[in-house]
Each structure stands twice: as structure tokens, then as C-alpha cells.
Amino acid sequence: MPDMVLKSIDVGPMRSVRDSFTGPYIVTMPPVLTDFSKFDFKGKNIILTVVLSFLVLPLESILLSLFFIVNKLGWIDSYLALIIPFIVKCFDVYLFRQFFLDIPDDLIEAAEIDGAGPFKIFMQVVMPISKPVFATVFILDYVAYWSDFMWPLLVITDAGKRTVQLGIQTFFTEPPVYYGPIMAALTIASLPMIILFLFLQKYYVQGISTSGIKG
């Protein structure tokens, strides 16, 4: 019985951890949104309206089209299919923008007067005070990707690339169903999210309270 739990969990957690880390957009999106929040340019409000309008679209409504695109690109049964389609999320754009709007303009102007360029301003002024929103986005996206079942089920067929949710699902494929190992697997699968939240809880609460409230 313990072998069943270990075998199922072994195919999932490390891969789910890897697929849940959204490093590329965590690095690239904030600098872009800093400019988007603090500088005026033509079409800014139109772009924001279009981006936020996608929030009303449920994933299920674009799932089939997304699958065809991934299949056309030859990413089926690869880690690219798990990572690339969700590398940027509209809700994350909203959170980052709301947080950056609350950063005082005087702070950025003072850095410009001191001769700092855009990159230096972002790294030395914006980044140090942006830990709450980074932690908030990281936790929300990590939990979403870790718990995702439908999309990995569609794009992953190789048993060696299954995420933790697909690994747990194998307990139900053949009778009899052993609920003891299932409960053990679910407990183990929940530990990374609990540990992550405990470490980032302070920043998460700050991020939620500051990103959604203006003034």
C-alpha cells in the first residue's frame, strides 16, 4: 500500500513544482507594467480595457482552441504545453498594475533627478517595495497550477511527465479503490502549498490589501 502512494506521488510533485513556477513572467511582466502604470502613452486605456475584458472568459471556453494551437506547435506531451499558455494571466496584470499605481510618483521623480535610468529605478526603487504583490501573484498562481487537472489531462500522455493531480487520479483507474492511499497522497500533495503559504503569508496579506484598494 505505501508503494502505491510513493509511486503516484513520485510522478507528480517535482514536475508540478517545476511547472508551477512562473519565473519568466514574474521577471519580465513587472517592468512592463511599471511603465504601463506610471507613464502615459496613446492607447493605454484601450489596451487595459482589452486585457481586463479577458477576465470574463472562462478557461473552458477557449480550452479547445488552445489545445489545437498547442498541438499545431508540436508541444503536446511536453513541459512547454504546461508552461507557455499560462505564462501571463490577466488577473496578475491587474494586481501588478494596481500595486504600481499606489507607488508615489515623487519617489520615481526623485530617482530620476538623481540620474537613475528606468532599469535602475525599477531594480532599486520599485522592486524593494513590491515584495507583497510578487508574493501574492506567486501564491495564487502556484496554487492554481498545482491544482490544475483538466489542462494537464489534455496535453500530457507520458506517465513520466504527469503532474501530481494526474498521479493521484491513477488511484481511480482500476478497482478496487483504496481510499487510504488516496487520502495519504492528497495530504502529501497539499504540503507544498501549506509550506509556501506559511513562509509568504505576511507578504500575501499585504499584497491583497494594497493591490485591490486605491487611496
N, C-alpha and C. Protein backbone atom coordinates (compact mmCIF):
# COMPACT_ATOMS: atom_id res chain seq x y z
N MET A 1 0.81 -1.22 0.00
CA MET A 1 0.00 0.00 0.00
C MET A 1 0.84 1.27 0.00
N PRO A 2 1.88 1.39 0.87
CA PRO A 2 2.73 2.58 0.82
C PRO A 2 3.39 2.76 -0.54
N ASP A 3 3.70 1.62 -1.21
CA ASP A 3 4.33 1.72 -2.52
C ASP A 3 3.42 2.42 -3.52
N MET A 4 2.11 2.20 -3.40
CA MET A 4 1.17 2.85 -4.29
C MET A 4 1.22 4.37 -4.12
N VAL A 5 1.27 4.81 -2.85
CA VAL A 5 1.30 6.24 -2.58
C VAL A 5 2.58 6.85 -3.14
N LEU A 6 3.72 6.22 -2.85
CA LEU A 6 5.00 6.75 -3.29
C LEU A 6 5.11 6.76 -4.80
N LYS A 7 4.59 5.71 -5.43
CA LYS A 7 4.67 5.64 -6.89
C LYS A 7 3.84 6.75 -7.53
N SER A 8 2.65 6.97 -6.99
CA SER A 8 1.79 8.00 -7.56
C SER A 8 2.36 9.40 -7.33
N ILE A 9 2.83 9.65 -6.11
CA ILE A 9 3.36 10.96 -5.79
C ILE A 9 4.66 11.21 -6.53
N ASP A 10 5.43 10.17 -6.77
CA ASP A 10 6.73 10.34 -7.42
C ASP A 10 6.61 10.91 -8.82
N VAL A 11 5.53 10.61 -9.51
CA VAL A 11 5.40 11.11 -10.88
C VAL A 11 4.91 12.55 -10.92
N GLY A 12 4.46 13.05 -9.75
CA GLY A 12 3.84 14.36 -9.80
C GLY A 12 4.55 15.52 -9.17
N PRO A 13 4.88 15.48 -7.86
CA PRO A 13 5.26 16.69 -7.17
C PRO A 13 6.41 17.48 -7.76
N MET A 14 7.52 16.82 -8.05
CA MET A 14 8.65 17.57 -8.56
C MET A 14 8.33 18.22 -9.90
N ARG A 15 7.57 17.51 -10.72
CA ARG A 15 7.19 18.08 -12.01
C ARG A 15 6.17 19.19 -11.81
N SER A 16 5.26 19.00 -10.86
CA SER A 16 4.28 20.05 -10.60
C SER A 16 4.95 21.28 -10.01
N VAL A 17 5.94 21.07 -9.16
CA VAL A 17 6.68 22.21 -8.62
C VAL A 17 7.34 22.98 -9.75
N ARG A 18 7.98 22.25 -10.65
CA ARG A 18 8.67 22.89 -11.77
C ARG A 18 7.67 23.62 -12.67
N ASP A 19 6.53 22.99 -12.94
CA ASP A 19 5.55 23.60 -13.83
C ASP A 19 4.79 24.73 -13.15
N SER A 20 4.79 24.76 -11.80
CA SER A 20 4.05 25.80 -11.09
C SER A 20 4.85 27.08 -10.96
N PHE A 21 6.16 27.00 -11.11
CA PHE A 21 6.97 28.20 -11.01
C PHE A 21 6.83 29.02 -12.29
N THR A 22 6.36 30.26 -12.12
CA THR A 22 6.10 31.10 -13.28
C THR A 22 7.19 32.16 -13.39
N GLY A 23 8.43 31.72 -13.35
CA GLY A 23 9.58 32.61 -13.34
C GLY A 23 9.66 33.57 -14.50
N PRO A 24 9.47 33.12 -15.76
CA PRO A 24 9.65 34.04 -16.88
C PRO A 24 8.80 35.29 -16.80
N TYR A 25 7.50 35.13 -16.50
CA TYR A 25 6.67 36.33 -16.49
C TYR A 25 6.82 37.10 -15.18
N ILE A 26 7.21 36.43 -14.10
CA ILE A 26 7.48 37.13 -12.85
C ILE A 26 8.63 38.11 -13.06
N VAL A 27 9.57 37.75 -13.95
CA VAL A 27 10.73 38.60 -14.22
C VAL A 27 10.42 39.66 -15.26
N THR A 28 9.67 39.30 -16.31
CA THR A 28 9.50 40.20 -17.45
C THR A 28 8.27 41.10 -17.34
N MET A 29 7.19 40.65 -16.71
CA MET A 29 5.96 41.43 -16.71
C MET A 29 6.02 42.68 -15.82
N PRO A 30 6.56 42.62 -14.59
CA PRO A 30 6.56 43.81 -13.75
C PRO A 30 7.22 45.04 -14.36
N PRO A 31 8.41 44.93 -15.01
CA PRO A 31 8.98 46.14 -15.61
C PRO A 31 8.05 46.78 -16.66
N VAL A 32 7.40 45.93 -17.45
CA VAL A 32 6.48 46.43 -18.47
C VAL A 32 5.31 47.14 -17.82
N LEU A 33 4.76 46.55 -16.75
CA LEU A 33 3.59 47.13 -16.10
C LEU A 33 3.94 48.37 -15.29
N THR A 34 5.20 48.50 -14.89
CA THR A 34 5.62 49.75 -14.24
C THR A 34 5.45 50.91 -15.21
N ASP A 35 5.93 50.73 -16.44
CA ASP A 35 5.73 51.75 -17.47
C ASP A 35 4.25 51.93 -17.77
N PHE A 36 3.52 50.83 -17.80
CA PHE A 36 2.10 50.87 -18.11
C PHE A 36 1.31 51.63 -17.05
N SER A 37 1.78 51.59 -15.81
CA SER A 37 1.07 52.23 -14.70
C SER A 37 1.49 53.68 -14.50
N LYS A 38 2.74 53.98 -14.79
CA LYS A 38 3.30 55.29 -14.42
C LYS A 38 3.48 56.25 -15.59
N PHE A 39 3.44 55.76 -16.80
CA PHE A 39 3.68 56.62 -17.96
C PHE A 39 2.47 56.60 -18.90
N ASP A 40 2.16 57.75 -19.43
CA ASP A 40 1.03 57.87 -20.35
C ASP A 40 1.50 57.67 -21.80
N PHE A 41 0.74 56.93 -22.56
CA PHE A 41 1.02 56.76 -23.98
C PHE A 41 -0.30 56.51 -24.70
N LYS A 42 -0.29 56.70 -25.99
CA LYS A 42 -1.51 56.59 -26.78
C LYS A 42 -2.04 55.16 -26.77
N GLY A 43 -3.33 55.03 -26.50
CA GLY A 43 -3.96 53.71 -26.49
C GLY A 43 -3.82 52.96 -25.19
N LYS A 44 -3.28 53.59 -24.15
CA LYS A 44 -3.06 52.92 -22.87
C LYS A 44 -4.35 52.37 -22.27
N ASN A 45 -5.39 53.21 -22.23
CA ASN A 45 -6.66 52.78 -21.63
C ASN A 45 -7.35 51.70 -22.47
N ILE A 46 -7.18 51.78 -23.78
CA ILE A 46 -7.78 50.77 -24.66
C ILE A 46 -7.14 49.41 -24.41
N ILE A 47 -5.82 49.40 -24.30
CA ILE A 47 -5.10 48.15 -24.04
C ILE A 47 -5.53 47.56 -22.71
N LEU A 48 -5.64 48.42 -21.69
CA LEU A 48 -6.06 47.94 -20.37
C LEU A 48 -7.47 47.36 -20.41
N THR A 49 -8.37 48.03 -21.13
CA THR A 49 -9.74 47.54 -21.25
C THR A 49 -9.79 46.17 -21.93
N VAL A 50 -9.01 46.01 -22.98
CA VAL A 50 -8.98 44.73 -23.70
C VAL A 50 -8.44 43.62 -22.80
N VAL A 51 -7.35 43.92 -22.08
CA VAL A 51 -6.75 42.91 -21.20
C VAL A 51 -7.72 42.50 -20.11
N LEU A 52 -8.35 43.47 -19.46
CA LEU A 52 -9.26 43.15 -18.36
C LEU A 52 -10.54 42.48 -18.85
N SER A 53 -10.92 42.73 -20.11
CA SER A 53 -12.12 42.09 -20.64
C SER A 53 -11.95 40.58 -20.75
N PHE A 54 -10.71 40.13 -20.87
CA PHE A 54 -10.46 38.69 -20.96
C PHE A 54 -10.73 37.99 -19.63
N LEU A 55 -10.85 38.75 -18.55
CA LEU A 55 -11.12 38.16 -17.25
C LEU A 55 -12.48 37.45 -17.21
N VAL A 56 -13.41 37.91 -18.05
CA VAL A 56 -14.75 37.33 -18.03
C VAL A 56 -14.82 36.03 -18.83
N LEU A 57 -13.75 35.71 -19.55
CA LEU A 57 -13.74 34.47 -20.34
C LEU A 57 -13.29 33.30 -19.49
N PRO A 58 -14.14 32.31 -19.26
CA PRO A 58 -13.69 31.12 -18.53
C PRO A 58 -12.74 30.29 -19.38
N LEU A 59 -11.83 29.61 -18.72
CA LEU A 59 -10.84 28.81 -19.44
C LEU A 59 -11.50 27.77 -20.34
N GLU A 60 -12.63 27.22 -19.88
CA GLU A 60 -13.31 26.18 -20.64
C GLU A 60 -13.76 26.66 -22.02
N SER A 61 -14.00 27.96 -22.16
CA SER A 61 -14.48 28.49 -23.44
C SER A 61 -13.38 28.56 -24.50
N ILE A 62 -12.13 28.56 -24.07
CA ILE A 62 -11.02 28.63 -25.03
C ILE A 62 -10.15 27.38 -24.99
N LEU A 63 -10.55 26.40 -24.20
CA LEU A 63 -9.72 25.22 -23.99
C LEU A 63 -9.46 24.47 -25.29
N LEU A 64 -10.50 24.28 -26.08
CA LEU A 64 -10.37 23.53 -27.32
C LEU A 64 -9.46 24.26 -28.31
N SER A 65 -9.68 25.56 -28.46
CA SER A 65 -8.84 26.35 -29.37
C SER A 65 -7.39 26.35 -28.92
N LEU A 66 -7.19 26.46 -27.60
CA LEU A 66 -5.84 26.45 -27.05
C LEU A 66 -5.17 25.11 -27.30
N PHE A 67 -5.92 24.04 -27.20
CA PHE A 67 -5.38 22.71 -27.45
C PHE A 67 -4.94 22.57 -28.91
N PHE A 68 -5.76 23.07 -29.83
CA PHE A 68 -5.40 23.00 -31.26
C PHE A 68 -4.12 23.78 -31.55
N ILE A 69 -3.97 24.93 -30.92
CA ILE A 69 -2.76 25.74 -31.12
C ILE A 69 -1.54 25.01 -30.59
N VAL A 70 -1.65 24.47 -29.39
CA VAL A 70 -0.53 23.73 -28.79
C VAL A 70 -0.17 22.51 -29.62
N ASN A 71 -1.20 21.84 -30.13
CA ASN A 71 -0.97 20.67 -30.96
C ASN A 71 -0.28 21.06 -32.28
N LYS A 72 -0.69 22.20 -32.83
CA LYS A 72 -0.10 22.69 -34.08
C LYS A 72 1.38 23.02 -33.89
N LEU A 73 1.72 23.50 -32.73
CA LEU A 73 3.11 23.86 -32.43
C LEU A 73 3.96 22.65 -32.06
N GLY A 74 3.33 21.50 -31.90
CA GLY A 74 4.07 20.29 -31.56
C GLY A 74 4.47 20.21 -30.11
N TRP A 75 3.70 20.88 -29.25
CA TRP A 75 4.05 20.90 -27.83
C TRP A 75 3.32 19.85 -27.01
N ILE A 76 2.47 19.06 -27.62
CA ILE A 76 1.74 18.04 -26.88
C ILE A 76 2.74 17.09 -26.22
N ASP A 77 2.45 16.75 -24.97
CA ASP A 77 3.29 15.84 -24.19
C ASP A 77 4.68 16.45 -23.93
N SER A 78 4.69 17.76 -23.69
CA SER A 78 5.95 18.43 -23.34
C SER A 78 5.67 19.45 -22.24
N TYR A 79 6.73 19.87 -21.56
CA TYR A 79 6.57 20.85 -20.50
C TYR A 79 6.17 22.22 -21.05
N LEU A 80 6.50 22.48 -22.30
CA LEU A 80 6.10 23.75 -22.92
C LEU A 80 4.59 23.92 -22.92
N ALA A 81 3.87 22.83 -23.14
CA ALA A 81 2.41 22.88 -23.16
C ALA A 81 1.84 23.23 -21.79
N LEU A 82 2.56 22.90 -20.73
CA LEU A 82 2.09 23.19 -19.39
C LEU A 82 2.44 24.61 -18.94
N ILE A 83 3.50 25.17 -19.51
CA ILE A 83 4.01 26.45 -19.02
C ILE A 83 3.62 27.63 -19.90
N ILE A 84 3.91 27.54 -21.20
CA ILE A 84 3.78 28.69 -22.09
C ILE A 84 2.36 29.26 -22.17
N PRO A 85 1.30 28.44 -22.33
CA PRO A 85 -0.04 29.01 -22.50
C PRO A 85 -0.50 29.88 -21.33
N PHE A 86 0.09 29.67 -20.14
CA PHE A 86 -0.38 30.40 -18.96
C PHE A 86 0.73 31.27 -18.36
N ILE A 87 1.65 31.68 -19.21
CA ILE A 87 2.80 32.43 -18.71
C ILE A 87 2.42 33.84 -18.28
N VAL A 88 1.32 34.37 -18.82
CA VAL A 88 0.80 35.67 -18.40
C VAL A 88 -0.70 35.53 -18.16
N LYS A 89 -1.17 36.05 -17.03
CA LYS A 89 -2.59 35.98 -16.69
C LYS A 89 -3.14 37.38 -16.51
N CYS A 90 -4.36 37.60 -16.98
CA CYS A 90 -4.98 38.92 -16.93
C CYS A 90 -5.13 39.41 -15.49
N PHE A 91 -5.47 38.51 -14.60
CA PHE A 91 -5.66 38.91 -13.21
C PHE A 91 -4.34 39.37 -12.59
N ASP A 92 -3.24 38.73 -12.98
CA ASP A 92 -1.93 39.15 -12.49
C ASP A 92 -1.57 40.54 -13.02
N VAL A 93 -1.93 40.80 -14.28
CA VAL A 93 -1.72 42.13 -14.85
C VAL A 93 -2.45 43.18 -14.02
N TYR A 94 -3.68 42.86 -13.64
CA TYR A 94 -4.48 43.78 -12.83
C TYR A 94 -3.84 44.01 -11.47
N LEU A 95 -3.40 42.95 -10.81
CA LEU A 95 -2.80 43.09 -9.48
C LEU A 95 -1.54 43.93 -9.52
N PHE A 96 -0.65 43.62 -10.47
CA PHE A 96 0.59 44.39 -10.58
C PHE A 96 0.30 45.86 -10.86
N ARG A 97 -0.61 46.11 -11.79
CA ARG A 97 -0.92 47.49 -12.15
C ARG A 97 -1.48 48.25 -10.95
N GLN A 98 -2.41 47.65 -10.22
CA GLN A 98 -2.99 48.32 -9.06
C GLN A 98 -1.94 48.64 -8.00
N PHE A 99 -1.02 47.72 -7.82
CA PHE A 99 0.03 47.94 -6.83
C PHE A 99 0.95 49.07 -7.27
N PHE A 100 1.37 49.05 -8.54
CA PHE A 100 2.30 50.06 -9.03
C PHE A 100 1.66 51.45 -9.08
N LEU A 101 0.33 51.51 -9.24
CA LEU A 101 -0.36 52.80 -9.21
C LEU A 101 -0.24 53.48 -7.86
N ASP A 102 -0.13 52.68 -6.80
CA ASP A 102 -0.04 53.22 -5.45
C ASP A 102 1.37 53.67 -5.08
N ILE A 103 2.36 53.37 -5.91
CA ILE A 103 3.72 53.85 -5.64
C ILE A 103 3.76 55.35 -5.92
N PRO A 104 4.20 56.15 -4.97
CA PRO A 104 4.20 57.62 -5.16
C PRO A 104 5.05 58.03 -6.36
N ASP A 105 4.50 58.91 -7.17
CA ASP A 105 5.25 59.42 -8.31
C ASP A 105 6.49 60.21 -7.86
N ASP A 106 6.38 60.83 -6.69
CA ASP A 106 7.51 61.61 -6.17
C ASP A 106 8.74 60.74 -5.96
N LEU A 107 8.50 59.48 -5.61
CA LEU A 107 9.61 58.56 -5.37
C LEU A 107 10.37 58.30 -6.67
N ILE A 108 9.64 58.11 -7.74
CA ILE A 108 10.26 57.85 -9.05
C ILE A 108 10.92 59.12 -9.58
N GLU A 109 10.24 60.26 -9.40
CA GLU A 109 10.81 61.52 -9.87
C GLU A 109 12.10 61.87 -9.14
N ALA A 110 12.15 61.56 -7.84
CA ALA A 110 13.37 61.81 -7.07
C ALA A 110 14.52 60.96 -7.59
N ALA A 111 14.23 59.73 -7.95
CA ALA A 111 15.27 58.86 -8.51
C ALA A 111 15.74 59.36 -9.86
N GLU A 112 14.82 59.89 -10.66
CA GLU A 112 15.19 60.45 -11.96
C GLU A 112 16.08 61.68 -11.80
N ILE A 113 15.77 62.51 -10.81
CA ILE A 113 16.58 63.69 -10.55
C ILE A 113 18.00 63.30 -10.15
N ASP A 114 18.11 62.18 -9.42
CA ASP A 114 19.43 61.69 -9.01
C ASP A 114 20.19 61.03 -10.15
N GLY A 115 19.56 60.95 -11.33
CA GLY A 115 20.24 60.43 -12.51
C GLY A 115 20.00 58.96 -12.78
N ALA A 116 19.04 58.36 -12.10
CA ALA A 116 18.75 56.94 -12.31
C ALA A 116 17.94 56.74 -13.58
N GLY A 117 18.29 55.71 -14.35
CA GLY A 117 17.55 55.35 -15.54
C GLY A 117 16.38 54.46 -15.21
N PRO A 118 15.54 54.13 -16.21
CA PRO A 118 14.36 53.28 -15.96
C PRO A 118 14.70 51.95 -15.31
N PHE A 119 15.76 51.28 -15.79
CA PHE A 119 16.11 49.97 -15.23
C PHE A 119 16.55 50.10 -13.77
N LYS A 120 17.37 51.10 -13.50
CA LYS A 120 17.86 51.31 -12.14
C LYS A 120 16.71 51.69 -11.20
N ILE A 121 15.78 52.50 -11.70
CA ILE A 121 14.62 52.87 -10.90
C ILE A 121 13.81 51.64 -10.53
N PHE A 122 13.61 50.77 -11.52
CA PHE A 122 12.82 49.57 -11.25
C PHE A 122 13.53 48.66 -10.25
N MET A 123 14.81 48.43 -10.44
CA MET A 123 15.55 47.49 -9.60
C MET A 123 15.78 48.00 -8.18
N GLN A 124 16.04 49.31 -8.05
CA GLN A 124 16.44 49.85 -6.74
C GLN A 124 15.35 50.62 -6.02
N VAL A 125 14.29 50.98 -6.74
CA VAL A 125 13.20 51.73 -6.11
C VAL A 125 11.92 50.90 -6.07
N VAL A 126 11.52 50.40 -7.22
CA VAL A 126 10.24 49.70 -7.31
C VAL A 126 10.32 48.29 -6.70
N MET A 127 11.33 47.55 -7.07
CA MET A 127 11.43 46.15 -6.62
C MET A 127 11.44 45.99 -5.10
N PRO A 128 12.25 46.76 -4.37
CA PRO A 128 12.29 46.55 -2.91
C PRO A 128 10.96 46.74 -2.20
N ILE A 129 10.07 47.56 -2.75
CA ILE A 129 8.78 47.79 -2.08
C ILE A 129 7.65 46.97 -2.72
N SER A 130 8.02 46.08 -3.64
CA SER A 130 6.99 45.31 -4.37
C SER A 130 6.91 43.85 -3.91
N LYS A 131 7.54 43.51 -2.80
CA LYS A 131 7.50 42.13 -2.33
C LYS A 131 6.08 41.63 -2.10
N PRO A 132 5.17 42.43 -1.54
CA PRO A 132 3.81 41.93 -1.30
C PRO A 132 3.11 41.47 -2.58
N VAL A 133 3.19 42.25 -3.66
CA VAL A 133 2.47 41.87 -4.87
C VAL A 133 3.14 40.68 -5.55
N PHE A 134 4.46 40.59 -5.48
CA PHE A 134 5.14 39.42 -6.03
C PHE A 134 4.73 38.16 -5.28
N ALA A 135 4.68 38.24 -3.96
CA ALA A 135 4.29 37.08 -3.15
C ALA A 135 2.85 36.69 -3.42
N THR A 136 1.97 37.68 -3.57
CA THR A 136 0.56 37.41 -3.83
C THR A 136 0.37 36.70 -5.16
N VAL A 137 0.98 37.23 -6.20
CA VAL A 137 0.86 36.62 -7.53
C VAL A 137 1.47 35.22 -7.52
N PHE A 138 2.61 35.07 -6.87
CA PHE A 138 3.27 33.77 -6.84
C PHE A 138 2.41 32.72 -6.16
N ILE A 139 1.82 33.06 -5.01
CA ILE A 139 0.99 32.11 -4.27
C ILE A 139 -0.26 31.75 -5.07
N LEU A 140 -0.96 32.75 -5.58
CA LEU A 140 -2.20 32.49 -6.32
C LEU A 140 -1.96 31.62 -7.55
N ASP A 141 -0.89 31.92 -8.28
CA ASP A 141 -0.60 31.15 -9.50
C ASP A 141 -0.06 29.77 -9.17
N TYR A 142 0.74 29.68 -8.14
CA TYR A 142 1.27 28.37 -7.74
C TYR A 142 0.14 27.42 -7.38
N VAL A 143 -0.79 27.91 -6.56
CA VAL A 143 -1.93 27.07 -6.16
C VAL A 143 -2.77 26.68 -7.37
N ALA A 144 -2.98 27.62 -8.28
CA ALA A 144 -3.80 27.34 -9.47
C ALA A 144 -3.14 26.29 -10.35
N TYR A 145 -1.83 26.41 -10.59
CA TYR A 145 -1.15 25.46 -11.45
C TYR A 145 -0.96 24.11 -10.77
N TRP A 146 -0.69 24.14 -9.50
CA TRP A 146 -0.51 22.90 -8.75
C TRP A 146 -1.79 22.07 -8.74
N SER A 147 -2.92 22.75 -8.64
CA SER A 147 -4.21 22.05 -8.52
C SER A 147 -4.86 21.77 -9.88
N ASP A 148 -4.28 22.27 -10.95
CA ASP A 148 -4.91 22.12 -12.27
C ASP A 148 -4.95 20.66 -12.69
N PHE A 149 -6.08 20.26 -13.20
CA PHE A 149 -6.24 18.87 -13.64
C PHE A 149 -6.62 18.76 -15.12
N MET A 150 -7.54 19.62 -15.56
CA MET A 150 -8.09 19.48 -16.90
C MET A 150 -7.04 19.68 -17.99
N TRP A 151 -6.27 20.78 -17.90
CA TRP A 151 -5.31 21.07 -18.96
C TRP A 151 -4.19 20.02 -19.03
N PRO A 152 -3.56 19.65 -17.92
CA PRO A 152 -2.55 18.57 -18.00
C PRO A 152 -3.12 17.27 -18.54
N LEU A 153 -4.38 16.99 -18.22
CA LEU A 153 -5.01 15.77 -18.72
C LEU A 153 -5.11 15.79 -20.24
N LEU A 154 -5.31 16.96 -20.82
CA LEU A 154 -5.44 17.07 -22.27
C LEU A 154 -4.10 17.00 -23.00
N VAL A 155 -3.05 17.57 -22.43
CA VAL A 155 -1.80 17.74 -23.17
C VAL A 155 -0.69 16.77 -22.76
N ILE A 156 -0.88 16.05 -21.67
CA ILE A 156 0.17 15.12 -21.20
C ILE A 156 -0.33 13.68 -21.28
N THR A 157 0.41 12.86 -22.01
CA THR A 157 0.08 11.43 -22.11
C THR A 157 1.19 10.55 -21.54
N ASP A 158 2.40 11.07 -21.48
CA ASP A 158 3.53 10.31 -20.96
C ASP A 158 3.43 10.21 -19.45
N ALA A 159 3.45 8.99 -18.92
CA ALA A 159 3.33 8.79 -17.48
C ALA A 159 4.46 9.46 -16.72
N GLY A 160 5.61 9.62 -17.35
CA GLY A 160 6.75 10.23 -16.69
C GLY A 160 6.64 11.73 -16.56
N LYS A 161 5.66 12.35 -17.22
CA LYS A 161 5.50 13.80 -17.18
C LYS A 161 4.21 14.22 -16.49
N ARG A 162 3.52 13.28 -15.89
CA ARG A 162 2.27 13.61 -15.22
C ARG A 162 2.49 14.54 -14.04
N THR A 163 1.55 15.45 -13.85
CA THR A 163 1.57 16.31 -12.67
C THR A 163 0.99 15.54 -11.48
N VAL A 164 1.04 16.14 -10.32
CA VAL A 164 0.60 15.44 -9.11
C VAL A 164 -0.89 15.09 -9.18
N GLN A 165 -1.69 15.97 -9.77
CA GLN A 165 -3.13 15.68 -9.86
C GLN A 165 -3.41 14.48 -10.76
N LEU A 166 -2.68 14.37 -11.84
CA LEU A 166 -2.84 13.20 -12.72
C LEU A 166 -2.33 11.95 -12.04
N GLY A 167 -1.28 12.10 -11.22
CA GLY A 167 -0.77 10.94 -10.48
C GLY A 167 -1.79 10.40 -9.50
N ILE A 168 -2.45 11.32 -8.79
CA ILE A 168 -3.48 10.90 -7.83
C ILE A 168 -4.67 10.27 -8.54
N GLN A 169 -4.97 10.77 -9.73
CA GLN A 169 -6.11 10.23 -10.49
C GLN A 169 -5.93 8.76 -10.84
N THR A 170 -4.68 8.29 -10.91
CA THR A 170 -4.45 6.89 -11.25
C THR A 170 -5.00 5.93 -10.20
N PHE A 171 -5.24 6.43 -8.99
CA PHE A 171 -5.82 5.59 -7.95
C PHE A 171 -7.24 5.14 -8.30
N PHE A 172 -7.89 5.92 -9.19
CA PHE A 172 -9.29 5.63 -9.51
C PHE A 172 -9.45 4.86 -10.82
N THR A 173 -8.35 4.53 -11.47
CA THR A 173 -8.46 3.92 -12.79
C THR A 173 -8.84 2.45 -12.74
N GLU A 174 -8.41 1.74 -11.73
CA GLU A 174 -8.69 0.31 -11.63
C GLU A 174 -9.27 -0.04 -10.27
N PRO A 175 -10.34 -0.80 -10.25
CA PRO A 175 -10.89 -1.26 -8.95
C PRO A 175 -9.97 -2.32 -8.34
N PRO A 176 -10.01 -2.48 -7.03
CA PRO A 176 -10.77 -1.67 -6.07
C PRO A 176 -10.08 -0.35 -5.79
N VAL A 177 -10.88 0.62 -5.33
CA VAL A 177 -10.35 1.93 -4.99
C VAL A 177 -9.93 1.93 -3.51
N TYR A 178 -8.66 2.22 -3.27
CA TYR A 178 -8.14 2.25 -1.90
C TYR A 178 -8.15 3.68 -1.40
N TYR A 179 -9.08 3.99 -0.52
CA TYR A 179 -9.22 5.37 -0.06
C TYR A 179 -8.14 5.78 0.92
N GLY A 180 -7.54 4.83 1.58
CA GLY A 180 -6.43 5.15 2.49
C GLY A 180 -5.26 5.77 1.76
N PRO A 181 -4.73 5.10 0.73
CA PRO A 181 -3.64 5.71 -0.06
C PRO A 181 -4.04 7.02 -0.73
N ILE A 182 -5.31 7.12 -1.14
CA ILE A 182 -5.77 8.37 -1.76
C ILE A 182 -5.66 9.53 -0.76
N MET A 183 -6.13 9.30 0.46
CA MET A 183 -6.05 10.34 1.49
C MET A 183 -4.60 10.69 1.80
N ALA A 184 -3.74 9.67 1.84
CA ALA A 184 -2.32 9.91 2.11
C ALA A 184 -1.69 10.73 0.98
N ALA A 185 -2.03 10.39 -0.26
CA ALA A 185 -1.49 11.13 -1.41
C ALA A 185 -1.97 12.57 -1.41
N LEU A 186 -3.23 12.79 -1.10
CA LEU A 186 -3.77 14.15 -1.06
C LEU A 186 -3.10 14.97 0.04
N THR A 187 -2.83 14.34 1.18
CA THR A 187 -2.16 15.03 2.28
C THR A 187 -0.75 15.46 1.87
N ILE A 188 -0.02 14.53 1.25
CA ILE A 188 1.34 14.85 0.80
C ILE A 188 1.31 15.94 -0.27
N ALA A 189 0.33 15.87 -1.16
CA ALA A 189 0.25 16.84 -2.26
C ALA A 189 -0.09 18.24 -1.76
N SER A 190 -0.74 18.33 -0.61
CA SER A 190 -1.11 19.65 -0.08
C SER A 190 0.01 20.31 0.70
N LEU A 191 1.02 19.54 1.09
CA LEU A 191 2.09 20.10 1.93
C LEU A 191 2.85 21.25 1.27
N PRO A 192 3.25 21.14 -0.01
CA PRO A 192 3.99 22.28 -0.60
C PRO A 192 3.22 23.59 -0.56
N MET A 193 1.90 23.54 -0.80
CA MET A 193 1.10 24.77 -0.77
C MET A 193 1.01 25.34 0.63
N ILE A 194 0.88 24.46 1.62
CA ILE A 194 0.81 24.92 3.01
C ILE A 194 2.12 25.56 3.44
N ILE A 195 3.23 24.90 3.12
CA ILE A 195 4.55 25.43 3.48
C ILE A 195 4.80 26.77 2.80
N LEU A 196 4.45 26.83 1.51
CA LEU A 196 4.65 28.08 0.76
C LEU A 196 3.85 29.22 1.37
N PHE A 197 2.60 28.95 1.73
CA PHE A 197 1.76 30.00 2.31
C PHE A 197 2.29 30.45 3.66
N LEU A 198 2.79 29.52 4.48
CA LEU A 198 3.31 29.88 5.79
C LEU A 198 4.50 30.83 5.67
N PHE A 199 5.35 30.59 4.68
CA PHE A 199 6.54 31.43 4.51
C PHE A 199 6.19 32.81 3.93
N LEU A 200 5.17 32.86 3.07
CA LEU A 200 4.84 34.10 2.37
C LEU A 200 3.56 34.75 2.86
N GLN A 201 3.02 34.27 3.97
CA GLN A 201 1.73 34.75 4.45
C GLN A 201 1.72 36.26 4.70
N LYS A 202 2.78 36.78 5.34
CA LYS A 202 2.83 38.20 5.66
C LYS A 202 2.75 39.06 4.40
N TYR A 203 3.52 38.68 3.37
CA TYR A 203 3.52 39.44 2.13
C TYR A 203 2.20 39.27 1.39
N TYR A 204 1.62 38.07 1.48
CA TYR A 204 0.36 37.80 0.79
C TYR A 204 -0.75 38.70 1.32
N VAL A 205 -0.85 38.82 2.63
CA VAL A 205 -1.88 39.67 3.23
C VAL A 205 -1.67 41.12 2.84
N GLN A 206 -0.42 41.58 2.86
CA GLN A 206 -0.12 42.95 2.45
C GLN A 206 -0.48 43.18 0.98
N GLY A 207 -0.17 42.19 0.14
CA GLY A 207 -0.45 42.32 -1.29
C GLY A 207 -1.93 42.40 -1.58
N ILE A 208 -2.72 41.56 -0.93
CA ILE A 208 -4.17 41.58 -1.13
C ILE A 208 -4.76 42.91 -0.68
N SER A 209 -4.27 43.43 0.44
CA SER A 209 -4.85 44.65 0.99
C SER A 209 -4.45 45.89 0.21
N THR A 210 -3.28 45.87 -0.43
CA THR A 210 -2.80 47.07 -1.13
C THR A 210 -3.07 47.04 -2.62
N SER A 211 -3.18 45.84 -3.22
CA SER A 211 -3.35 45.76 -4.67
C SER A 211 -4.76 46.06 -5.13
N GLY A 212 -5.73 45.81 -4.27
CA GLY A 212 -7.11 45.98 -4.70
C GLY A 212 -7.78 47.21 -4.16
N ILE A 213 -7.08 48.00 -3.30
CA ILE A 213 -7.68 49.17 -2.70
C ILE A 213 -6.89 50.41 -3.08
N LYS A 214 -7.53 51.36 -3.66
CA LYS A 214 -6.86 52.58 -4.12
C LYS A 214 -7.09 53.69 -3.10
N GLY A 215 -6.00 54.38 -2.72
CA GLY A 215 -6.13 55.51 -1.82
C GLY A 215 -5.87 55.15 -0.38
